[in-house]
Amino acid sequence: MRIKLTILLILFGITLNSYSEEKIQKKSTISMGVDLASMYLWRGFDLGNGPAIQPWGEFSYKNFAFGSWGSYELTGTFKEVDLYAKYTHKDFSLLFTDLFFPGFEGLNQNYFNFKNQTTGHCAELGLSFNGSEKVPLSIYGGFILYGVANDSGSVNTGKVNHSP
């Protein structure tokens, strides 16, 4: 009797564990990919003269997403590595991004240097309307909060994308 009860409890535990893992997996996703771009423009600035490979990855759980994105010029020296956190509610997303520019001339290349005037980092806070089937338009606006791109001469910009 004791052995049957033990086996029954083990089977119940395995079944419950499988059910909860399946439930969590449905709420979370991991996505990865690589894009190839003919050249890389950032807010209208040409940051490379040739093609770039742009790997990315994202973990999302419910309305939250955490990810990374990079751009590596194939024929030159430009590189960018970004980490971000995003919260999405309905058609809107709030996004915090840490952009890092390794190899950018005149900047400290230490990833852990966060001194405002010498860091290779740039922190941005953004808000986007993600569009829908009825409104095939996405709008993004962001503000550079900290880092090398945050000086008195910089301009905070946004972009608009239209999907057919």
N, C-alpha and C. Protein backbone atom coordinates (compact mmCIF):
# COMPACT_ATOMS: atom_id res chain seq x y z
N MET A 1 0.83 -1.20 0.00
CA MET A 1 0.00 0.00 0.00
C MET A 1 0.87 1.26 0.00
N ARG A 2 1.92 1.25 0.84
CA ARG A 2 2.80 2.41 0.93
C ARG A 2 3.50 2.67 -0.41
N ILE A 3 3.92 1.62 -1.10
CA ILE A 3 4.60 1.76 -2.40
C ILE A 3 3.63 2.34 -3.44
N LYS A 4 2.38 1.86 -3.45
CA LYS A 4 1.39 2.38 -4.39
C LYS A 4 1.12 3.86 -4.15
N LEU A 5 1.03 4.25 -2.88
CA LEU A 5 0.79 5.65 -2.53
C LEU A 5 1.98 6.51 -2.96
N THR A 6 3.20 6.02 -2.73
CA THR A 6 4.40 6.75 -3.13
C THR A 6 4.44 6.92 -4.65
N ILE A 7 4.17 5.85 -5.38
CA ILE A 7 4.16 5.93 -6.85
C ILE A 7 3.08 6.90 -7.32
N LEU A 8 1.92 6.84 -6.72
CA LEU A 8 0.83 7.75 -7.08
C LEU A 8 1.21 9.21 -6.83
N LEU A 9 1.85 9.49 -5.70
CA LEU A 9 2.30 10.86 -5.39
C LEU A 9 3.37 11.33 -6.36
N ILE A 10 4.29 10.45 -6.72
CA ILE A 10 5.34 10.81 -7.69
C ILE A 10 4.72 11.13 -9.04
N LEU A 11 3.80 10.26 -9.50
CA LEU A 11 3.14 10.52 -10.78
C LEU A 11 2.34 11.82 -10.75
N PHE A 12 1.66 12.08 -9.63
CA PHE A 12 0.91 13.33 -9.48
C PHE A 12 1.86 14.53 -9.53
N GLY A 13 2.99 14.42 -8.86
CA GLY A 13 3.99 15.49 -8.86
C GLY A 13 4.55 15.76 -10.24
N ILE A 14 4.85 14.69 -10.99
CA ILE A 14 5.37 14.85 -12.35
C ILE A 14 4.31 15.50 -13.24
N THR A 15 3.08 15.06 -13.12
CA THR A 15 1.99 15.63 -13.92
C THR A 15 1.79 17.09 -13.59
N LEU A 16 1.78 17.43 -12.29
CA LEU A 16 1.61 18.82 -11.88
C LEU A 16 2.77 19.67 -12.37
N ASN A 17 4.00 19.14 -12.27
CA ASN A 17 5.18 19.87 -12.72
C ASN A 17 5.11 20.11 -14.22
N SER A 18 4.71 19.11 -15.01
CA SER A 18 4.59 19.26 -16.46
C SER A 18 3.55 20.31 -16.81
N TYR A 19 2.43 20.28 -16.08
CA TYR A 19 1.37 21.25 -16.34
C TYR A 19 1.85 22.67 -16.06
N SER A 20 2.56 22.88 -14.93
CA SER A 20 2.99 24.24 -14.60
C SER A 20 4.08 24.71 -15.55
N GLU A 21 4.99 23.82 -15.99
CA GLU A 21 6.01 24.21 -16.97
C GLU A 21 5.36 24.59 -18.29
N GLU A 22 4.36 23.82 -18.70
CA GLU A 22 3.66 24.11 -19.95
C GLU A 22 2.96 25.46 -19.85
N LYS A 23 2.35 25.73 -18.71
CA LYS A 23 1.65 27.00 -18.51
C LYS A 23 2.62 28.18 -18.57
N ILE A 24 3.79 28.04 -17.94
CA ILE A 24 4.79 29.11 -17.96
C ILE A 24 5.33 29.28 -19.38
N GLN A 25 5.59 28.20 -20.09
CA GLN A 25 6.14 28.29 -21.44
C GLN A 25 5.19 29.01 -22.38
N LYS A 26 3.89 28.87 -22.19
CA LYS A 26 2.94 29.55 -23.05
C LYS A 26 2.97 31.06 -22.82
N LYS A 27 3.33 31.49 -21.62
CA LYS A 27 3.37 32.92 -21.30
C LYS A 27 4.70 33.56 -21.67
N SER A 28 5.74 32.74 -21.86
CA SER A 28 7.05 33.30 -22.17
C SER A 28 7.54 32.78 -23.52
N THR A 29 8.32 33.61 -24.19
CA THR A 29 8.91 33.21 -25.47
C THR A 29 10.35 33.69 -25.54
N ILE A 30 11.13 32.97 -26.29
CA ILE A 30 12.49 33.37 -26.60
C ILE A 30 12.58 33.45 -28.11
N SER A 31 13.03 34.59 -28.61
CA SER A 31 13.16 34.80 -30.05
C SER A 31 14.59 35.24 -30.35
N MET A 32 15.13 34.78 -31.47
CA MET A 32 16.47 35.18 -31.89
C MET A 32 16.49 35.29 -33.41
N GLY A 33 17.41 36.09 -33.90
CA GLY A 33 17.55 36.21 -35.34
C GLY A 33 18.78 37.00 -35.71
N VAL A 34 19.03 37.05 -36.99
CA VAL A 34 20.14 37.82 -37.54
C VAL A 34 19.63 38.49 -38.81
N ASP A 35 19.90 39.78 -38.93
CA ASP A 35 19.54 40.52 -40.14
C ASP A 35 20.81 40.97 -40.84
N LEU A 36 20.72 41.19 -42.12
CA LEU A 36 21.82 41.75 -42.90
C LEU A 36 21.33 43.05 -43.50
N ALA A 37 22.04 44.14 -43.20
CA ALA A 37 21.65 45.46 -43.71
C ALA A 37 22.71 45.95 -44.69
N SER A 38 22.28 46.67 -45.72
CA SER A 38 23.23 47.18 -46.71
C SER A 38 24.13 48.26 -46.12
N MET A 39 23.61 49.00 -45.14
CA MET A 39 24.39 49.96 -44.35
C MET A 39 23.57 50.30 -43.12
N TYR A 40 24.20 50.91 -42.13
CA TYR A 40 23.50 51.19 -40.89
C TYR A 40 23.36 52.69 -40.68
N LEU A 41 22.11 53.11 -40.58
CA LEU A 41 21.79 54.51 -40.25
C LEU A 41 21.17 54.53 -38.85
N TRP A 42 21.59 55.47 -38.02
CA TRP A 42 21.00 55.65 -36.70
C TRP A 42 20.50 57.08 -36.62
N ARG A 43 19.19 57.24 -36.60
CA ARG A 43 18.55 58.55 -36.53
C ARG A 43 19.04 59.49 -37.64
N GLY A 44 19.26 58.90 -38.78
CA GLY A 44 19.68 59.69 -39.93
C GLY A 44 21.18 59.84 -40.08
N PHE A 45 21.95 59.39 -39.10
CA PHE A 45 23.41 59.47 -39.18
C PHE A 45 23.95 58.18 -39.77
N ASP A 46 24.81 58.33 -40.80
CA ASP A 46 25.45 57.19 -41.42
C ASP A 46 26.55 56.70 -40.48
N LEU A 47 26.36 55.54 -39.88
CA LEU A 47 27.35 55.02 -38.94
C LEU A 47 28.15 53.86 -39.53
N GLY A 48 28.14 53.74 -40.81
CA GLY A 48 28.92 52.70 -41.46
C GLY A 48 28.88 52.90 -42.96
N ASN A 49 29.93 52.45 -43.62
CA ASN A 49 30.01 52.63 -45.07
C ASN A 49 29.66 51.38 -45.84
N GLY A 50 29.42 50.28 -45.13
CA GLY A 50 29.17 49.04 -45.84
C GLY A 50 28.11 48.20 -45.16
N PRO A 51 27.95 46.99 -45.62
CA PRO A 51 26.93 46.10 -45.05
C PRO A 51 27.23 45.76 -43.59
N ALA A 52 26.18 45.47 -42.85
CA ALA A 52 26.31 45.15 -41.44
C ALA A 52 25.48 43.93 -41.10
N ILE A 53 25.99 43.11 -40.22
CA ILE A 53 25.23 41.98 -39.70
C ILE A 53 24.65 42.43 -38.35
N GLN A 54 23.36 42.13 -38.11
CA GLN A 54 22.67 42.65 -36.94
C GLN A 54 21.95 41.53 -36.20
N PRO A 55 22.66 40.88 -35.24
CA PRO A 55 22.02 39.82 -34.46
C PRO A 55 21.14 40.40 -33.36
N TRP A 56 20.12 39.64 -32.96
CA TRP A 56 19.23 40.09 -31.89
C TRP A 56 18.64 38.88 -31.17
N GLY A 57 18.22 39.12 -29.95
CA GLY A 57 17.57 38.09 -29.16
C GLY A 57 16.64 38.74 -28.15
N GLU A 58 15.54 38.07 -27.81
CA GLU A 58 14.59 38.65 -26.87
C GLU A 58 13.91 37.55 -26.06
N PHE A 59 13.78 37.79 -24.76
CA PHE A 59 12.99 36.95 -23.87
C PHE A 59 11.78 37.76 -23.46
N SER A 60 10.58 37.22 -23.65
CA SER A 60 9.39 37.95 -23.22
C SER A 60 8.54 37.08 -22.31
N TYR A 61 7.96 37.75 -21.34
CA TYR A 61 7.08 37.10 -20.39
C TYR A 61 5.92 38.04 -20.12
N LYS A 62 4.73 37.59 -20.48
CA LYS A 62 3.53 38.41 -20.38
C LYS A 62 3.76 39.71 -21.14
N ASN A 63 3.68 40.87 -20.48
CA ASN A 63 3.82 42.17 -21.16
C ASN A 63 5.25 42.71 -21.13
N PHE A 64 6.19 41.95 -20.55
CA PHE A 64 7.57 42.42 -20.41
C PHE A 64 8.47 41.71 -21.41
N ALA A 65 9.48 42.43 -21.87
CA ALA A 65 10.48 41.83 -22.76
C ALA A 65 11.85 42.38 -22.40
N PHE A 66 12.85 41.52 -22.49
CA PHE A 66 14.24 41.89 -22.26
C PHE A 66 15.03 41.36 -23.43
N GLY A 67 15.89 42.21 -24.00
CA GLY A 67 16.57 41.74 -25.19
C GLY A 67 17.89 42.42 -25.45
N SER A 68 18.50 41.98 -26.52
CA SER A 68 19.75 42.57 -26.99
C SER A 68 19.70 42.67 -28.51
N TRP A 69 20.43 43.64 -29.02
CA TRP A 69 20.51 43.86 -30.46
C TRP A 69 21.90 44.40 -30.74
N GLY A 70 22.46 44.05 -31.86
CA GLY A 70 23.78 44.55 -32.21
C GLY A 70 23.89 44.83 -33.69
N SER A 71 24.89 45.62 -34.03
CA SER A 71 25.20 45.88 -35.43
C SER A 71 26.71 45.87 -35.58
N TYR A 72 27.19 45.07 -36.52
CA TYR A 72 28.63 44.93 -36.74
C TYR A 72 28.90 45.12 -38.22
N GLU A 73 29.59 46.21 -38.54
CA GLU A 73 29.90 46.51 -39.93
C GLU A 73 30.89 45.47 -40.47
N LEU A 74 30.59 44.92 -41.64
CA LEU A 74 31.43 43.87 -42.21
C LEU A 74 32.68 44.40 -42.89
N THR A 75 32.62 45.61 -43.42
CA THR A 75 33.77 46.15 -44.16
C THR A 75 34.45 47.29 -43.43
N GLY A 76 34.03 47.59 -42.23
CA GLY A 76 34.61 48.71 -41.48
C GLY A 76 34.74 48.37 -40.01
N THR A 77 34.71 49.41 -39.18
CA THR A 77 34.97 49.19 -37.76
C THR A 77 33.78 49.52 -36.86
N PHE A 78 32.67 50.01 -37.40
CA PHE A 78 31.57 50.41 -36.53
C PHE A 78 30.89 49.20 -35.89
N LYS A 79 30.63 49.33 -34.56
CA LYS A 79 29.92 48.30 -33.81
C LYS A 79 28.95 48.99 -32.85
N GLU A 80 27.84 48.31 -32.57
CA GLU A 80 26.89 48.78 -31.56
C GLU A 80 26.32 47.56 -30.87
N VAL A 81 26.20 47.63 -29.54
CA VAL A 81 25.61 46.55 -28.75
C VAL A 81 24.59 47.18 -27.83
N ASP A 82 23.34 46.77 -27.92
CA ASP A 82 22.25 47.35 -27.12
C ASP A 82 21.61 46.28 -26.23
N LEU A 83 21.23 46.70 -25.03
CA LEU A 83 20.40 45.90 -24.14
C LEU A 83 19.15 46.71 -23.85
N TYR A 84 17.99 46.05 -23.76
CA TYR A 84 16.77 46.82 -23.52
C TYR A 84 15.79 46.05 -22.65
N ALA A 85 14.91 46.84 -22.05
CA ALA A 85 13.77 46.32 -21.29
C ALA A 85 12.54 47.04 -21.81
N LYS A 86 11.45 46.29 -22.01
CA LYS A 86 10.26 46.86 -22.63
C LYS A 86 9.02 46.38 -21.91
N TYR A 87 8.07 47.29 -21.73
CA TYR A 87 6.76 46.93 -21.20
C TYR A 87 5.72 47.34 -22.24
N THR A 88 4.84 46.42 -22.62
CA THR A 88 3.83 46.70 -23.63
C THR A 88 2.44 46.56 -23.02
N HIS A 89 1.61 47.56 -23.31
CA HIS A 89 0.21 47.53 -22.89
C HIS A 89 -0.63 47.92 -24.10
N LYS A 90 -1.46 46.99 -24.54
CA LYS A 90 -2.28 47.17 -25.74
C LYS A 90 -1.38 47.54 -26.91
N ASP A 91 -1.56 48.70 -27.54
CA ASP A 91 -0.77 49.09 -28.72
C ASP A 91 0.42 49.97 -28.39
N PHE A 92 0.75 50.13 -27.10
CA PHE A 92 1.84 51.03 -26.70
C PHE A 92 2.93 50.27 -25.97
N SER A 93 4.17 50.73 -26.14
CA SER A 93 5.31 50.15 -25.43
C SER A 93 6.15 51.25 -24.81
N LEU A 94 6.62 51.00 -23.60
CA LEU A 94 7.58 51.85 -22.91
C LEU A 94 8.89 51.09 -22.94
N LEU A 95 9.97 51.75 -23.37
CA LEU A 95 11.22 51.06 -23.63
C LEU A 95 12.39 51.80 -23.00
N PHE A 96 13.25 51.07 -22.31
CA PHE A 96 14.52 51.62 -21.82
C PHE A 96 15.63 50.87 -22.53
N THR A 97 16.53 51.59 -23.17
CA THR A 97 17.61 50.97 -23.93
C THR A 97 18.95 51.51 -23.50
N ASP A 98 19.91 50.60 -23.31
CA ASP A 98 21.30 50.96 -23.07
C ASP A 98 22.05 50.66 -24.36
N LEU A 99 22.47 51.70 -25.07
CA LEU A 99 23.21 51.54 -26.31
C LEU A 99 24.70 51.65 -25.97
N PHE A 100 25.52 50.76 -26.49
CA PHE A 100 26.96 50.80 -26.25
C PHE A 100 27.67 50.75 -27.59
N PHE A 101 28.66 51.65 -27.76
CA PHE A 101 29.37 51.78 -29.02
C PHE A 101 30.84 51.41 -28.85
N PRO A 102 31.18 50.13 -28.85
CA PRO A 102 32.59 49.76 -28.72
C PRO A 102 33.35 50.18 -29.97
N GLY A 103 34.52 50.69 -29.79
CA GLY A 103 35.34 51.10 -30.92
C GLY A 103 35.08 52.51 -31.39
N PHE A 104 34.12 53.23 -30.79
CA PHE A 104 33.83 54.61 -31.20
C PHE A 104 35.00 55.49 -30.76
N GLU A 105 35.58 56.20 -31.70
CA GLU A 105 36.78 56.99 -31.44
C GLU A 105 36.54 58.06 -30.37
N GLY A 106 37.46 58.15 -29.41
CA GLY A 106 37.40 59.16 -28.37
C GLY A 106 36.62 58.75 -27.13
N LEU A 107 36.05 57.54 -27.14
CA LEU A 107 35.28 57.09 -25.98
C LEU A 107 36.03 55.99 -25.24
N ASN A 108 35.81 55.94 -23.93
CA ASN A 108 36.39 54.89 -23.12
C ASN A 108 35.74 53.57 -23.51
N GLN A 109 36.53 52.58 -23.83
CA GLN A 109 36.01 51.31 -24.33
C GLN A 109 35.70 50.31 -23.22
N ASN A 110 35.89 50.70 -21.97
CA ASN A 110 35.55 49.84 -20.84
C ASN A 110 34.03 49.77 -20.72
N TYR A 111 33.46 48.58 -20.85
CA TYR A 111 32.00 48.43 -20.80
C TYR A 111 31.43 48.94 -19.49
N PHE A 112 32.19 48.87 -18.41
CA PHE A 112 31.70 49.26 -17.10
C PHE A 112 32.03 50.71 -16.74
N ASN A 113 32.48 51.51 -17.71
CA ASN A 113 32.68 52.94 -17.49
C ASN A 113 31.36 53.67 -17.78
N PHE A 114 30.81 54.32 -16.78
CA PHE A 114 29.55 55.04 -16.96
C PHE A 114 29.70 56.53 -16.70
N LYS A 115 30.91 57.09 -16.85
CA LYS A 115 31.12 58.53 -16.70
C LYS A 115 30.48 59.22 -17.90
N ASN A 116 29.61 60.17 -17.64
CA ASN A 116 28.74 60.75 -18.66
C ASN A 116 29.49 61.23 -19.91
N GLN A 117 30.62 61.90 -19.77
CA GLN A 117 31.29 62.48 -20.93
C GLN A 117 32.25 61.53 -21.65
N THR A 118 32.60 60.40 -21.04
CA THR A 118 33.56 59.51 -21.68
C THR A 118 33.02 58.10 -21.95
N THR A 119 31.86 57.79 -21.44
CA THR A 119 31.33 56.45 -21.62
C THR A 119 30.97 56.16 -23.07
N GLY A 120 31.07 54.91 -23.43
CA GLY A 120 30.60 54.47 -24.75
C GLY A 120 29.12 54.12 -24.72
N HIS A 121 28.49 54.33 -23.56
CA HIS A 121 27.07 54.02 -23.39
C HIS A 121 26.20 55.24 -23.67
N CYS A 122 24.96 54.95 -23.92
CA CYS A 122 23.95 55.97 -24.12
C CYS A 122 22.64 55.37 -23.62
N ALA A 123 21.98 56.02 -22.67
CA ALA A 123 20.71 55.50 -22.13
C ALA A 123 19.56 56.27 -22.74
N GLU A 124 18.55 55.54 -23.21
CA GLU A 124 17.41 56.15 -23.87
C GLU A 124 16.11 55.62 -23.27
N LEU A 125 15.16 56.51 -23.09
CA LEU A 125 13.81 56.16 -22.67
C LEU A 125 12.87 56.49 -23.82
N GLY A 126 12.07 55.53 -24.24
CA GLY A 126 11.21 55.75 -25.40
C GLY A 126 9.79 55.25 -25.20
N LEU A 127 8.90 55.77 -26.00
CA LEU A 127 7.50 55.37 -26.01
C LEU A 127 7.12 55.14 -27.47
N SER A 128 6.41 54.04 -27.73
CA SER A 128 6.01 53.78 -29.10
C SER A 128 4.54 53.37 -29.18
N PHE A 129 3.94 53.78 -30.28
CA PHE A 129 2.65 53.25 -30.69
C PHE A 129 2.98 52.18 -31.71
N ASN A 130 2.54 50.95 -31.47
CA ASN A 130 2.99 49.82 -32.28
C ASN A 130 2.12 49.52 -33.49
N GLY A 131 1.07 50.28 -33.67
CA GLY A 131 0.19 50.05 -34.81
C GLY A 131 -0.69 48.83 -34.61
N SER A 132 -1.56 48.62 -35.55
CA SER A 132 -2.48 47.48 -35.53
C SER A 132 -2.89 47.19 -36.96
N GLU A 133 -3.77 46.21 -37.15
CA GLU A 133 -4.26 45.94 -38.50
C GLU A 133 -5.09 47.11 -39.02
N LYS A 134 -5.83 47.75 -38.12
CA LYS A 134 -6.65 48.89 -38.53
C LYS A 134 -5.80 50.14 -38.77
N VAL A 135 -4.73 50.30 -37.99
CA VAL A 135 -3.84 51.45 -38.12
C VAL A 135 -2.43 50.91 -38.37
N PRO A 136 -2.05 50.67 -39.65
CA PRO A 136 -0.74 50.07 -39.95
C PRO A 136 0.39 51.11 -39.90
N LEU A 137 0.56 51.68 -38.74
CA LEU A 137 1.54 52.76 -38.57
C LEU A 137 2.17 52.59 -37.20
N SER A 138 3.49 52.68 -37.13
CA SER A 138 4.15 52.68 -35.82
C SER A 138 4.89 54.00 -35.66
N ILE A 139 4.82 54.53 -34.45
CA ILE A 139 5.46 55.81 -34.14
C ILE A 139 6.31 55.61 -32.89
N TYR A 140 7.54 56.08 -32.93
CA TYR A 140 8.45 55.96 -31.80
C TYR A 140 9.05 57.32 -31.47
N GLY A 141 9.10 57.65 -30.21
CA GLY A 141 9.78 58.85 -29.75
C GLY A 141 10.65 58.49 -28.57
N GLY A 142 11.88 58.96 -28.57
CA GLY A 142 12.80 58.61 -27.49
C GLY A 142 13.63 59.80 -27.06
N PHE A 143 14.06 59.76 -25.79
CA PHE A 143 14.91 60.79 -25.23
C PHE A 143 16.19 60.17 -24.70
N ILE A 144 17.32 60.74 -25.10
CA ILE A 144 18.61 60.30 -24.58
C ILE A 144 18.73 60.89 -23.17
N LEU A 145 18.84 60.03 -22.18
CA LEU A 145 18.88 60.46 -20.80
C LEU A 145 20.31 60.64 -20.28
N TYR A 146 21.22 59.85 -20.80
CA TYR A 146 22.55 59.79 -20.22
C TYR A 146 23.54 59.29 -21.25
N GLY A 147 24.76 59.75 -21.14
CA GLY A 147 25.83 59.20 -21.96
C GLY A 147 26.32 60.13 -23.03
N VAL A 148 27.13 59.59 -23.88
CA VAL A 148 27.87 60.37 -24.86
C VAL A 148 26.98 61.13 -25.83
N ALA A 149 25.84 60.59 -26.18
CA ALA A 149 24.96 61.28 -27.12
C ALA A 149 24.13 62.36 -26.45
N ASN A 150 24.24 62.50 -25.12
CA ASN A 150 23.46 63.48 -24.38
C ASN A 150 24.32 64.72 -24.12
N ASP A 151 24.42 65.60 -25.11
CA ASP A 151 25.12 66.86 -24.90
C ASP A 151 24.22 67.99 -25.38
N SER A 152 24.67 69.20 -25.17
CA SER A 152 23.81 70.35 -25.48
C SER A 152 23.51 70.46 -26.97
N GLY A 153 24.32 69.86 -27.82
CA GLY A 153 24.08 69.94 -29.26
C GLY A 153 23.26 68.80 -29.81
N SER A 154 22.93 67.81 -28.96
CA SER A 154 22.20 66.65 -29.49
C SER A 154 20.72 66.94 -29.60
N VAL A 155 20.08 66.22 -30.48
CA VAL A 155 18.65 66.38 -30.71
C VAL A 155 17.97 65.05 -30.44
N ASN A 156 16.92 65.05 -29.64
CA ASN A 156 16.13 63.86 -29.42
C ASN A 156 15.14 63.75 -30.56
N THR A 157 15.05 62.57 -31.12
CA THR A 157 14.24 62.40 -32.32
C THR A 157 13.28 61.24 -32.18
N GLY A 158 12.50 61.05 -33.19
CA GLY A 158 11.57 59.93 -33.26
C GLY A 158 11.53 59.43 -34.68
N LYS A 159 10.75 58.37 -34.91
CA LYS A 159 10.62 57.87 -36.28
C LYS A 159 9.22 57.33 -36.48
N VAL A 160 8.81 57.30 -37.71
CA VAL A 160 7.49 56.81 -38.09
C VAL A 160 7.68 55.73 -39.14
N ASN A 161 7.05 54.59 -38.95
CA ASN A 161 7.10 53.50 -39.92
C ASN A 161 5.69 53.19 -40.38
N HIS A 162 5.56 52.87 -41.65
CA HIS A 162 4.25 52.49 -42.20
C HIS A 162 4.38 51.09 -42.77
N SER A 163 3.44 50.23 -42.44
CA SER A 163 3.42 48.86 -42.98
C SER A 163 2.24 48.74 -43.92
N PRO A 164 2.47 48.17 -45.11
CA PRO A 164 1.36 48.03 -46.07
C PRO A 164 0.32 47.05 -45.60
